Amino acid sequence: MAMMDGGMFKWIGMLSTIFFMPAILLSLSFFVLYVLGKIEARVLKFFGWLVVLFLWLTSILSFIYGAYSIHMSCKMKNSMTGMMKEKGKMQQQGAEESGVYVK
């Protein structure tokens, strides 16, 4: 059995972060809708629909925030890698100009 590298665990953690909160909120929404089917009072039904709407809105926003977080972390990683490459090139050029052999 092959071992997973650290990058794979990072992605699993990020994806679980994205899907965990919406899954809980949508499950709560299901049970609220189930109870709404059994309630006859108009005020409670209206309140239940507001709760369901709030839960759906929260789950959508948390999914979007999770996707945005992953996008920004990948973007930051790529920009940091590029900056480190540039810094390495500048150090190598400085060493070559000073006559130091760099492998």
PDB file of N, CA and C in Angstrom:
ATOM      1  N   MET A   1       0.843  -1.167   0.000  1.00  0.00           N
ATOM      2  CA  MET A   1       0.000   0.000   0.000  1.00  0.00           C
ATOM      3  C   MET A   1       0.893   1.237   0.000  1.00  0.00           C
ATOM      4  N   ALA A   2       0.621   2.121  -0.915  1.00  0.00           N
ATOM      5  CA  ALA A   2       1.435   3.322  -1.054  1.00  0.00           C
ATOM      6  C   ALA A   2       1.063   4.342   0.027  1.00  0.00           C
ATOM      7  N   MET A   3       2.072   5.030   0.528  1.00  0.00           N
ATOM      8  CA  MET A   3       1.851   6.069   1.529  1.00  0.00           C
ATOM      9  C   MET A   3       1.488   7.369   0.828  1.00  0.00           C
ATOM     10  N   MET A   4       0.571   8.126   1.411  1.00  0.00           N
ATOM     11  CA  MET A   4       0.206   9.418   0.841  1.00  0.00           C
ATOM     12  C   MET A   4       1.214  10.463   1.304  1.00  0.00           C
ATOM     13  N   ASP A   5       1.569  11.367   0.394  1.00  0.00           N
ATOM     14  CA  ASP A   5       2.487  12.427   0.771  1.00  0.00           C
ATOM     15  C   ASP A   5       1.755  13.519   1.545  1.00  0.00           C
ATOM     16  N   GLY A   6       2.514  14.456   2.101  1.00  0.00           N
ATOM     17  CA  GLY A   6       1.932  15.514   2.922  1.00  0.00           C
ATOM     18  C   GLY A   6       0.992  16.411   2.148  1.00  0.00           C
ATOM     19  N   GLY A   7       1.261  16.613   0.850  1.00  0.00           N
ATOM     20  CA  GLY A   7       0.399  17.459   0.030  1.00  0.00           C
ATOM     21  C   GLY A   7      -1.002  16.888  -0.105  1.00  0.00           C
ATOM     22  N   MET A   8      -1.088  15.568  -0.175  1.00  0.00           N
ATOM     23  CA  MET A   8      -2.390  14.917  -0.306  1.00  0.00           C
ATOM     24  C   MET A   8      -3.230  15.128   0.954  1.00  0.00           C
ATOM     25  N   PHE A   9      -2.589  15.037   2.127  1.00  0.00           N
ATOM     26  CA  PHE A   9      -3.304  15.265   3.381  1.00  0.00           C
ATOM     27  C   PHE A   9      -3.767  16.709   3.486  1.00  0.00           C
ATOM     28  N   LYS A  10      -2.972  17.650   2.961  1.00  0.00           N
ATOM     29  CA  LYS A  10      -3.355  19.054   2.986  1.00  0.00           C
ATOM     30  C   LYS A  10      -4.624  19.264   2.163  1.00  0.00           C
ATOM     31  N   TRP A  11      -4.684  18.653   0.983  1.00  0.00           N
ATOM     32  CA  TRP A  11      -5.866  18.799   0.133  1.00  0.00           C
ATOM     33  C   TRP A  11      -7.092  18.140   0.754  1.00  0.00           C
ATOM     34  N   ILE A  12      -6.893  17.000   1.375  1.00  0.00           N
ATOM     35  CA  ILE A  12      -8.016  16.334   2.049  1.00  0.00           C
ATOM     36  C   ILE A  12      -8.547  17.213   3.172  1.00  0.00           C
ATOM     37  N   GLY A  13      -7.640  17.832   3.922  1.00  0.00           N
ATOM     38  CA  GLY A  13      -8.053  18.739   4.998  1.00  0.00           C
ATOM     39  C   GLY A  13      -8.808  19.940   4.475  1.00  0.00           C
ATOM     40  N   MET A  14      -8.326  20.513   3.372  1.00  0.00           N
ATOM     41  CA  MET A  14      -9.003  21.683   2.799  1.00  0.00           C
ATOM     42  C   MET A  14     -10.388  21.315   2.283  1.00  0.00           C
ATOM     43  N   LEU A  15     -10.487  20.187   1.602  1.00  0.00           N
ATOM     44  CA  LEU A  15     -11.788  19.781   1.064  1.00  0.00           C
ATOM     45  C   LEU A  15     -12.762  19.435   2.180  1.00  0.00           C
ATOM     46  N   SER A  16     -12.261  18.812   3.248  1.00  0.00           N
ATOM     47  CA  SER A  16     -13.164  18.505   4.357  1.00  0.00           C
ATOM     48  C   SER A  16     -13.634  19.786   5.032  1.00  0.00           C
ATOM     49  N   THR A  17     -12.770  20.812   5.062  1.00  0.00           N
ATOM     50  CA  THR A  17     -13.169  22.093   5.623  1.00  0.00           C
ATOM     51  C   THR A  17     -14.263  22.726   4.786  1.00  0.00           C
ATOM     52  N   ILE A  18     -14.154  22.594   3.460  1.00  0.00           N
ATOM     53  CA  ILE A  18     -15.153  23.182   2.572  1.00  0.00           C
ATOM     54  C   ILE A  18     -16.498  22.483   2.732  1.00  0.00           C
ATOM     55  N   PHE A  19     -16.511  21.165   2.820  1.00  0.00           N
ATOM     56  CA  PHE A  19     -17.764  20.424   2.778  1.00  0.00           C
ATOM     57  C   PHE A  19     -18.359  20.106   4.149  1.00  0.00           C
ATOM     58  N   PHE A  20     -17.591  20.239   5.221  1.00  0.00           N
ATOM     59  CA  PHE A  20     -18.066  19.852   6.541  1.00  0.00           C
ATOM     60  C   PHE A  20     -19.196  20.757   7.030  1.00  0.00           C
ATOM     61  N   MET A  21     -18.966  22.049   7.037  1.00  0.00           N
ATOM     62  CA  MET A  21     -19.970  22.974   7.557  1.00  0.00           C
ATOM     63  C   MET A  21     -21.244  22.988   6.709  1.00  0.00           C
ATOM     64  N   PRO A  22     -21.148  23.075   5.376  1.00  0.00           N
ATOM     65  CA  PRO A  22     -22.402  23.014   4.607  1.00  0.00           C
ATOM     66  C   PRO A  22     -23.169  21.709   4.808  1.00  0.00           C
ATOM     67  N   ALA A  23     -22.467  20.595   4.981  1.00  0.00           N
ATOM     68  CA  ALA A  23     -23.157  19.321   5.186  1.00  0.00           C
ATOM     69  C   ALA A  23     -23.954  19.340   6.489  1.00  0.00           C
ATOM     70  N   ILE A  24     -23.368  19.883   7.532  1.00  0.00           N
ATOM     71  CA  ILE A  24     -24.078  19.974   8.810  1.00  0.00           C
ATOM     72  C   ILE A  24     -25.277  20.914   8.689  1.00  0.00           C
ATOM     73  N   LEU A  25     -25.059  22.063   8.058  1.00  0.00           N
ATOM     74  CA  LEU A  25     -26.144  23.033   7.931  1.00  0.00           C
ATOM     75  C   LEU A  25     -27.284  22.506   7.071  1.00  0.00           C
ATOM     76  N   LEU A  26     -26.956  21.799   5.992  1.00  0.00           N
ATOM     77  CA  LEU A  26     -28.003  21.246   5.141  1.00  0.00           C
ATOM     78  C   LEU A  26     -28.738  20.100   5.836  1.00  0.00           C
ATOM     79  N   SER A  27     -28.035  19.348   6.680  1.00  0.00           N
ATOM     80  CA  SER A  27     -28.711  18.306   7.467  1.00  0.00           C
ATOM     81  C   SER A  27     -29.699  18.929   8.444  1.00  0.00           C
ATOM     82  N   LEU A  28     -29.279  19.988   9.110  1.00  0.00           N
ATOM     83  CA  LEU A  28     -30.198  20.699  10.004  1.00  0.00           C
ATOM     84  C   LEU A  28     -31.391  21.244   9.230  1.00  0.00           C
ATOM     85  N   SER A  29     -31.125  21.752   8.041  1.00  0.00           N
ATOM     86  CA  SER A  29     -32.198  22.274   7.197  1.00  0.00           C
ATOM     87  C   SER A  29     -33.208  21.178   6.858  1.00  0.00           C
ATOM     88  N   PHE A  30     -32.721  19.981   6.572  1.00  0.00           N
ATOM     89  CA  PHE A  30     -33.613  18.867   6.266  1.00  0.00           C
ATOM     90  C   PHE A  30     -34.550  18.576   7.439  1.00  0.00           C
ATOM     91  N   PHE A  31     -33.986  18.524   8.646  1.00  0.00           N
ATOM     92  CA  PHE A  31     -34.816  18.217   9.806  1.00  0.00           C
ATOM     93  C   PHE A  31     -35.801  19.336  10.113  1.00  0.00           C
ATOM     94  N   VAL A  32     -35.395  20.586   9.876  1.00  0.00           N
ATOM     95  CA  VAL A  32     -36.331  21.701  10.071  1.00  0.00           C
ATOM     96  C   VAL A  32     -37.478  21.580   9.075  1.00  0.00           C
ATOM     97  N   LEU A  33     -37.172  21.263   7.821  1.00  0.00           N
ATOM     98  CA  LEU A  33     -38.225  21.093   6.820  1.00  0.00           C
ATOM     99  C   LEU A  33     -39.130  19.904   7.159  1.00  0.00           C
ATOM    100  N   TYR A  34     -38.542  18.859   7.715  1.00  0.00           N
ATOM    101  CA  TYR A  34     -39.334  17.696   8.120  1.00  0.00           C
ATOM    102  C   TYR A  34     -40.331  18.089   9.207  1.00  0.00           C
ATOM    103  N   VAL A  35     -39.865  18.852  10.177  1.00  0.00           N
ATOM    104  CA  VAL A  35     -40.745  19.292  11.261  1.00  0.00           C
ATOM    105  C   VAL A  35     -41.796  20.262  10.721  1.00  0.00           C
ATOM    106  N   LEU A  36     -41.412  21.098   9.749  1.00  0.00           N
ATOM    107  CA  LEU A  36     -42.372  22.044   9.173  1.00  0.00           C
ATOM    108  C   LEU A  36     -43.549  21.328   8.523  1.00  0.00           C
ATOM    109  N   GLY A  37     -43.299  20.141   7.987  1.00  0.00           N
ATOM    110  CA  GLY A  37     -44.386  19.378   7.372  1.00  0.00           C
ATOM    111  C   GLY A  37     -45.424  18.925   8.377  1.00  0.00           C
ATOM    112  N   LYS A  38     -45.048  18.842   9.631  1.00  0.00           N
ATOM    113  CA  LYS A  38     -45.962  18.368  10.668  1.00  0.00           C
ATOM    114  C   LYS A  38     -46.614  19.513  11.454  1.00  0.00           C
ATOM    115  N   ILE A  39     -46.137  20.725  11.263  1.00  0.00           N
ATOM    116  CA  ILE A  39     -46.646  21.874  12.032  1.00  0.00           C
ATOM    117  C   ILE A  39     -47.823  22.502  11.295  1.00  0.00           C
ATOM    118  N   GLU A  40     -48.832  22.873  12.047  1.00  0.00           N
ATOM    119  CA  GLU A  40     -50.020  23.502  11.466  1.00  0.00           C
ATOM    120  C   GLU A  40     -50.036  25.014  11.669  1.00  0.00           C
ATOM    121  N   ALA A  41     -49.375  25.524  12.698  1.00  0.00           N
ATOM    122  CA  ALA A  41     -49.419  26.952  13.018  1.00  0.00           C
ATOM    123  C   ALA A  41     -48.667  27.760  11.959  1.00  0.00           C
ATOM    124  N   ARG A  42     -49.289  28.830  11.480  1.00  0.00           N
ATOM    125  CA  ARG A  42     -48.688  29.645  10.428  1.00  0.00           C
ATOM    126  C   ARG A  42     -47.428  30.371  10.902  1.00  0.00           C
ATOM    127  N   VAL A  43     -47.447  30.867  12.128  1.00  0.00           N
ATOM    128  CA  VAL A  43     -46.299  31.618  12.639  1.00  0.00           C
ATOM    129  C   VAL A  43     -45.067  30.713  12.726  1.00  0.00           C
ATOM    130  N   LEU A  44     -45.255  29.520  13.242  1.00  0.00           N
ATOM    131  CA  LEU A  44     -44.129  28.590  13.336  1.00  0.00           C
ATOM    132  C   LEU A  44     -43.636  28.155  11.960  1.00  0.00           C
ATOM    133  N   LYS A  45     -44.555  27.976  11.015  1.00  0.00           N
ATOM    134  CA  LYS A  45     -44.157  27.611   9.657  1.00  0.00           C
ATOM    135  C   LYS A  45     -43.327  28.715   9.028  1.00  0.00           C
ATOM    136  N   PHE A  46     -43.756  29.964   9.197  1.00  0.00           N
ATOM    137  CA  PHE A  46     -43.010  31.094   8.654  1.00  0.00           C
ATOM    138  C   PHE A  46     -41.619  31.171   9.281  1.00  0.00           C
ATOM    139  N   PHE A  47     -41.554  31.018  10.621  1.00  0.00           N
ATOM    140  CA  PHE A  47     -40.265  31.031  11.310  1.00  0.00           C
ATOM    141  C   PHE A  47     -39.378  29.886  10.822  1.00  0.00           C
ATOM    142  N   GLY A  48     -39.941  28.728  10.611  1.00  0.00           N
ATOM    143  CA  GLY A  48     -39.182  27.585  10.111  1.00  0.00           C
ATOM    144  C   GLY A  48     -38.611  27.846   8.726  1.00  0.00           C
ATOM    145  N   TRP A  49     -39.417  28.466   7.851  1.00  0.00           N
ATOM    146  CA  TRP A  49     -38.917  28.799   6.517  1.00  0.00           C
ATOM    147  C   TRP A  49     -37.789  29.817   6.588  1.00  0.00           C
ATOM    148  N   LEU A  50     -37.869  30.760   7.520  1.00  0.00           N
ATOM    149  CA  LEU A  50     -36.769  31.716   7.701  1.00  0.00           C
ATOM    150  C   LEU A  50     -35.497  31.007   8.174  1.00  0.00           C
ATOM    151  N   VAL A  51     -35.664  30.060   9.087  1.00  0.00           N
ATOM    152  CA  VAL A  51     -34.508  29.293   9.565  1.00  0.00           C
ATOM    153  C   VAL A  51     -33.887  28.498   8.418  1.00  0.00           C
ATOM    154  N   VAL A  52     -34.713  27.860   7.611  1.00  0.00           N
ATOM    155  CA  VAL A  52     -34.204  27.087   6.474  1.00  0.00           C
ATOM    156  C   VAL A  52     -33.483  27.995   5.489  1.00  0.00           C
ATOM    157  N   LEU A  53     -34.050  29.146   5.207  1.00  0.00           N
ATOM    158  CA  LEU A  53     -33.412  30.096   4.299  1.00  0.00           C
ATOM    159  C   LEU A  53     -32.054  30.538   4.843  1.00  0.00           C
ATOM    160  N   PHE A  54     -32.006  30.834   6.147  1.00  0.00           N
ATOM    161  CA  PHE A  54     -30.749  31.224   6.783  1.00  0.00           C
ATOM    162  C   PHE A  54     -29.715  30.100   6.717  1.00  0.00           C
ATOM    163  N   LEU A  55     -30.143  28.866   6.960  1.00  0.00           N
ATOM    164  CA  LEU A  55     -29.214  27.733   6.909  1.00  0.00           C
ATOM    165  C   LEU A  55     -28.664  27.530   5.498  1.00  0.00           C
ATOM    166  N   TRP A  56     -29.516  27.633   4.489  1.00  0.00           N
ATOM    167  CA  TRP A  56     -29.064  27.482   3.109  1.00  0.00           C
ATOM    168  C   TRP A  56     -28.098  28.598   2.725  1.00  0.00           C
ATOM    169  N   LEU A  57     -28.413  29.825   3.106  1.00  0.00           N
ATOM    170  CA  LEU A  57     -27.535  30.952   2.810  1.00  0.00           C
ATOM    171  C   LEU A  57     -26.180  30.775   3.485  1.00  0.00           C
ATOM    172  N   THR A  58     -26.189  30.357   4.733  1.00  0.00           N
ATOM    173  CA  THR A  58     -24.939  30.139   5.461  1.00  0.00           C
ATOM    174  C   THR A  58     -24.111  29.023   4.835  1.00  0.00           C
ATOM    175  N   SER A  59     -24.760  27.948   4.406  1.00  0.00           N
ATOM    176  CA  SER A  59     -24.013  26.846   3.801  1.00  0.00           C
ATOM    177  C   SER A  59     -23.419  27.267   2.459  1.00  0.00           C
ATOM    178  N   ILE A  60     -24.140  28.051   1.681  1.00  0.00           N
ATOM    179  CA  ILE A  60     -23.593  28.535   0.406  1.00  0.00           C
ATOM    180  C   ILE A  60     -22.409  29.458   0.649  1.00  0.00           C
ATOM    181  N   LEU A  61     -22.541  30.374   1.598  1.00  0.00           N
ATOM    182  CA  LEU A  61     -21.442  31.291   1.889  1.00  0.00           C
ATOM    183  C   LEU A  61     -20.218  30.559   2.437  1.00  0.00           C
ATOM    184  N   SER A  62     -20.416  29.551   3.270  1.00  0.00           N
ATOM    185  CA  SER A  62     -19.268  28.829   3.808  1.00  0.00           C
ATOM    186  C   SER A  62     -18.580  28.014   2.723  1.00  0.00           C
ATOM    187  N   PHE A  63     -19.333  27.466   1.766  1.00  0.00           N
ATOM    188  CA  PHE A  63     -18.723  26.752   0.639  1.00  0.00           C
ATOM    189  C   PHE A  63     -17.911  27.716  -0.225  1.00  0.00           C
ATOM    190  N   ILE A  64     -18.467  28.890  -0.519  1.00  0.00           N
ATOM    191  CA  ILE A  64     -17.751  29.875  -1.328  1.00  0.00           C
ATOM    192  C   ILE A  64     -16.492  30.337  -0.615  1.00  0.00           C
ATOM    193  N   TYR A  65     -16.570  30.576   0.699  1.00  0.00           N
ATOM    194  CA  TYR A  65     -15.400  30.999   1.454  1.00  0.00           C
ATOM    195  C   TYR A  65     -14.315  29.918   1.447  1.00  0.00           C
ATOM    196  N   GLY A  66     -14.710  28.665   1.575  1.00  0.00           N
ATOM    197  CA  GLY A  66     -13.728  27.580   1.537  1.00  0.00           C
ATOM    198  C   GLY A  66     -13.039  27.488   0.191  1.00  0.00           C
ATOM    199  N   ALA A  67     -13.800  27.607  -0.887  1.00  0.00           N
ATOM    200  CA  ALA A  67     -13.205  27.574  -2.226  1.00  0.00           C
ATOM    201  C   ALA A  67     -12.275  28.766  -2.424  1.00  0.00           C
ATOM    202  N   TYR A  68     -12.675  29.932  -1.942  1.00  0.00           N
ATOM    203  CA  TYR A  68     -11.833  31.130  -2.049  1.00  0.00           C
ATOM    204  C   TYR A  68     -10.550  30.952  -1.245  1.00  0.00           C
ATOM    205  N   SER A  69     -10.630  30.353  -0.072  1.00  0.00           N
ATOM    206  CA  SER A  69      -9.436  30.126   0.755  1.00  0.00           C
ATOM    207  C   SER A  69      -8.450  29.214   0.047  1.00  0.00           C
ATOM    208  N   ILE A  70      -8.951  28.158  -0.565  1.00  0.00           N
ATOM    209  CA  ILE A  70      -8.063  27.252  -1.294  1.00  0.00           C
ATOM    210  C   ILE A  70      -7.427  27.978  -2.467  1.00  0.00           C
ATOM    211  N   HIS A  71      -8.202  28.758  -3.195  1.00  0.00           N
ATOM    212  CA  HIS A  71      -7.668  29.493  -4.338  1.00  0.00           C
ATOM    213  C   HIS A  71      -6.565  30.456  -3.893  1.00  0.00           C
ATOM    214  N   MET A  72      -6.802  31.188  -2.812  1.00  0.00           N
ATOM    215  CA  MET A  72      -5.809  32.168  -2.351  1.00  0.00           C
ATOM    216  C   MET A  72      -4.560  31.484  -1.799  1.00  0.00           C
ATOM    217  N   SER A  73      -4.700  30.335  -1.135  1.00  0.00           N
ATOM    218  CA  SER A  73      -3.521  29.657  -0.609  1.00  0.00           C
ATOM    219  C   SER A  73      -2.666  29.118  -1.750  1.00  0.00           C
ATOM    220  N   CYS A  74      -3.306  28.619  -2.810  1.00  0.00           N
ATOM    221  CA  CYS A  74      -2.538  28.152  -3.979  1.00  0.00           C
ATOM    222  C   CYS A  74      -1.860  29.321  -4.665  1.00  0.00           C
ATOM    223  N   LYS A  75      -2.552  30.439  -4.775  1.00  0.00           N
ATOM    224  CA  LYS A  75      -1.990  31.622  -5.417  1.00  0.00           C
ATOM    225  C   LYS A  75      -0.800  32.145  -4.617  1.00  0.00           C
ATOM    226  N   MET A  76      -0.922  32.161  -3.280  1.00  0.00           N
ATOM    227  CA  MET A  76       0.161  32.633  -2.437  1.00  0.00           C
ATOM    228  C   MET A  76       1.365  31.697  -2.528  1.00  0.00           C
ATOM    229  N   LYS A  77       1.102  30.401  -2.564  1.00  0.00           N
ATOM    230  CA  LYS A  77       2.194  29.432  -2.667  1.00  0.00           C
ATOM    231  C   LYS A  77       2.954  29.631  -3.971  1.00  0.00           C
ATOM    232  N   ASN A  78       2.227  29.837  -5.070  1.00  0.00           N
ATOM    233  CA  ASN A  78       2.878  30.041  -6.360  1.00  0.00           C
ATOM    234  C   ASN A  78       3.674  31.335  -6.387  1.00  0.00           C
ATOM    235  N   SER A  79       3.161  32.410  -5.789  1.00  0.00           N
ATOM    236  CA  SER A  79       3.894  33.675  -5.785  1.00  0.00           C
ATOM    237  C   SER A  79       5.130  33.581  -4.906  1.00  0.00           C
ATOM    238  N   MET A  80       5.033  32.869  -3.787  1.00  0.00           N
ATOM    239  CA  MET A  80       6.209  32.706  -2.915  1.00  0.00           C
ATOM    240  C   MET A  80       7.275  31.875  -3.608  1.00  0.00           C
ATOM    241  N   THR A  81       6.863  30.851  -4.340  1.00  0.00           N
ATOM    242  CA  THR A  81       7.823  30.028  -5.068  1.00  0.00           C
ATOM    243  C   THR A  81       8.539  30.868  -6.114  1.00  0.00           C
ATOM    244  N   GLY A  82       7.795  31.710  -6.820  1.00  0.00           N
ATOM    245  CA  GLY A  82       8.393  32.585  -7.823  1.00  0.00           C
ATOM    246  C   GLY A  82       9.368  33.567  -7.210  1.00  0.00           C
ATOM    247  N   MET A  83       9.023  34.133  -6.052  1.00  0.00           N
ATOM    248  CA  MET A  83       9.921  35.077  -5.380  1.00  0.00           C
ATOM    249  C   MET A  83      11.194  34.389  -4.924  1.00  0.00           C
ATOM    250  N   MET A  84      11.070  33.150  -4.442  1.00  0.00           N
ATOM    251  CA  MET A  84      12.267  32.435  -3.992  1.00  0.00           C
ATOM    252  C   MET A  84      13.173  32.091  -5.164  1.00  0.00           C
ATOM    253  N   LYS A  85      12.590  31.769  -6.316  1.00  0.00           N
ATOM    254  CA  LYS A  85      13.394  31.487  -7.502  1.00  0.00           C
ATOM    255  C   LYS A  85      14.150  32.734  -7.936  1.00  0.00           C
ATOM    256  N   GLU A  86      13.478  33.875  -7.927  1.00  0.00           N
ATOM    257  CA  GLU A  86      14.128  35.131  -8.298  1.00  0.00           C
ATOM    258  C   GLU A  86      15.256  35.468  -7.327  1.00  0.00           C
ATOM    259  N   LYS A  87      15.030  35.263  -6.052  1.00  0.00           N
ATOM    260  CA  LYS A  87      16.052  35.546  -5.045  1.00  0.00           C
ATOM    261  C   LYS A  87      17.260  34.638  -5.260  1.00  0.00           C
ATOM    262  N   GLY A  88      16.997  33.371  -5.568  1.00  0.00           N
ATOM    263  CA  GLY A  88      18.098  32.440  -5.834  1.00  0.00           C
ATOM    264  C   GLY A  88      18.902  32.840  -7.055  1.00  0.00           C
ATOM    265  N   LYS A  89      18.229  33.302  -8.111  1.00  0.00           N
ATOM    266  CA  LYS A  89      18.933  33.754  -9.315  1.00  0.00           C
ATOM    267  C   LYS A  89      19.792  34.963  -9.013  1.00  0.00           C
ATOM    268  N   MET A  90      19.258  35.899  -8.226  1.00  0.00           N
ATOM    269  CA  MET A  90      20.026  37.095  -7.881  1.00  0.00           C
ATOM    270  C   MET A  90      21.248  36.735  -7.046  1.00  0.00           C
ATOM    271  N   GLN A  91      21.101  35.792  -6.104  1.00  0.00           N
ATOM    272  CA  GLN A  91      22.237  35.367  -5.294  1.00  0.00           C
ATOM    273  C   GLN A  91      23.284  34.674  -6.147  1.00  0.00           C
ATOM    274  N   GLN A  92      22.830  33.865  -7.098  1.00  0.00           N
ATOM    275  CA  GLN A  92      23.766  33.167  -7.966  1.00  0.00           C
ATOM    276  C   GLN A  92      24.510  34.161  -8.855  1.00  0.00           C
ATOM    277  N   GLN A  93      23.830  35.160  -9.393  1.00  0.00           N
ATOM    278  CA  GLN A  93      24.481  36.161 -10.222  1.00  0.00           C
ATOM    279  C   GLN A  93      25.493  36.947  -9.408  1.00  0.00           C
ATOM    280  N   GLY A  94      25.147  37.283  -8.186  1.00  0.00           N
ATOM    281  CA  GLY A  94      26.084  38.017  -7.318  1.00  0.00           C
ATOM    282  C   GLY A  94      27.310  37.188  -7.010  1.00  0.00           C
ATOM    283  N   ALA A  95      27.122  35.904  -6.783  1.00  0.00           N
ATOM    284  CA  ALA A  95      28.257  35.030  -6.482  1.00  0.00           C
ATOM    285  C   ALA A  95      29.136  34.863  -7.704  1.00  0.00           C
ATOM    286  N   GLU A  96      28.554  34.759  -8.890  1.00  0.00           N
ATOM    287  CA  GLU A  96      29.338  34.613 -10.114  1.00  0.00           C
ATOM    288  C   GLU A  96      30.114  35.883 -10.414  1.00  0.00           C
ATOM    289  N   GLU A  97      29.526  37.034 -10.155  1.00  0.00           N
ATOM    290  CA  GLU A  97      30.222  38.296 -10.393  1.00  0.00           C
ATOM    291  C   GLU A  97      31.384  38.482  -9.447  1.00  0.00           C
ATOM    292  N   SER A  98      31.273  37.973  -8.239  1.00  0.00           N
ATOM    293  CA  SER A  98      32.361  38.112  -7.278  1.00  0.00           C
ATOM    294  C   SER A  98      33.442  37.066  -7.471  1.00  0.00           C
ATOM    295  N   GLY A  99      33.232  36.142  -8.395  1.00  0.00           N
ATOM    296  CA  GLY A  99      34.245  35.136  -8.700  1.00  0.00           C
ATOM    297  C   GLY A  99      34.107  33.869  -7.899  1.00  0.00           C
ATOM    298  N   VAL A 100      33.061  33.704  -7.156  1.00  0.00           N
ATOM    299  CA  VAL A 100      32.847  32.500  -6.353  1.00  0.00           C
ATOM    300  C   VAL A 100      32.161  31.466  -7.256  1.00  0.00           C
ATOM    301  N   TYR A 101      32.681  30.237  -7.249  1.00  0.00           N
ATOM    302  CA  TYR A 101      32.090  29.190  -8.058  1.00  0.00           C
ATOM    303  C   TYR A 101      30.846  28.652  -7.361  1.00  0.00           C
ATOM    304  N   VAL A 102      29.731  28.691  -8.073  1.00  0.00           N
ATOM    305  CA  VAL A 102      28.466  28.197  -7.536  1.00  0.00           C
ATOM    306  C   VAL A 102      28.015  27.038  -8.399  1.00  0.00           C
ATOM    307  N   LYS A 103      27.726  25.952  -7.772  1.00  0.00           N
ATOM    308  CA  LYS A 103      27.288  24.761  -8.487  1.00  0.00           C
ATOM    309  C   LYS A 103      25.830  24.774  -8.745  1.00  0.00           C
TER     310      LYS A 103
END
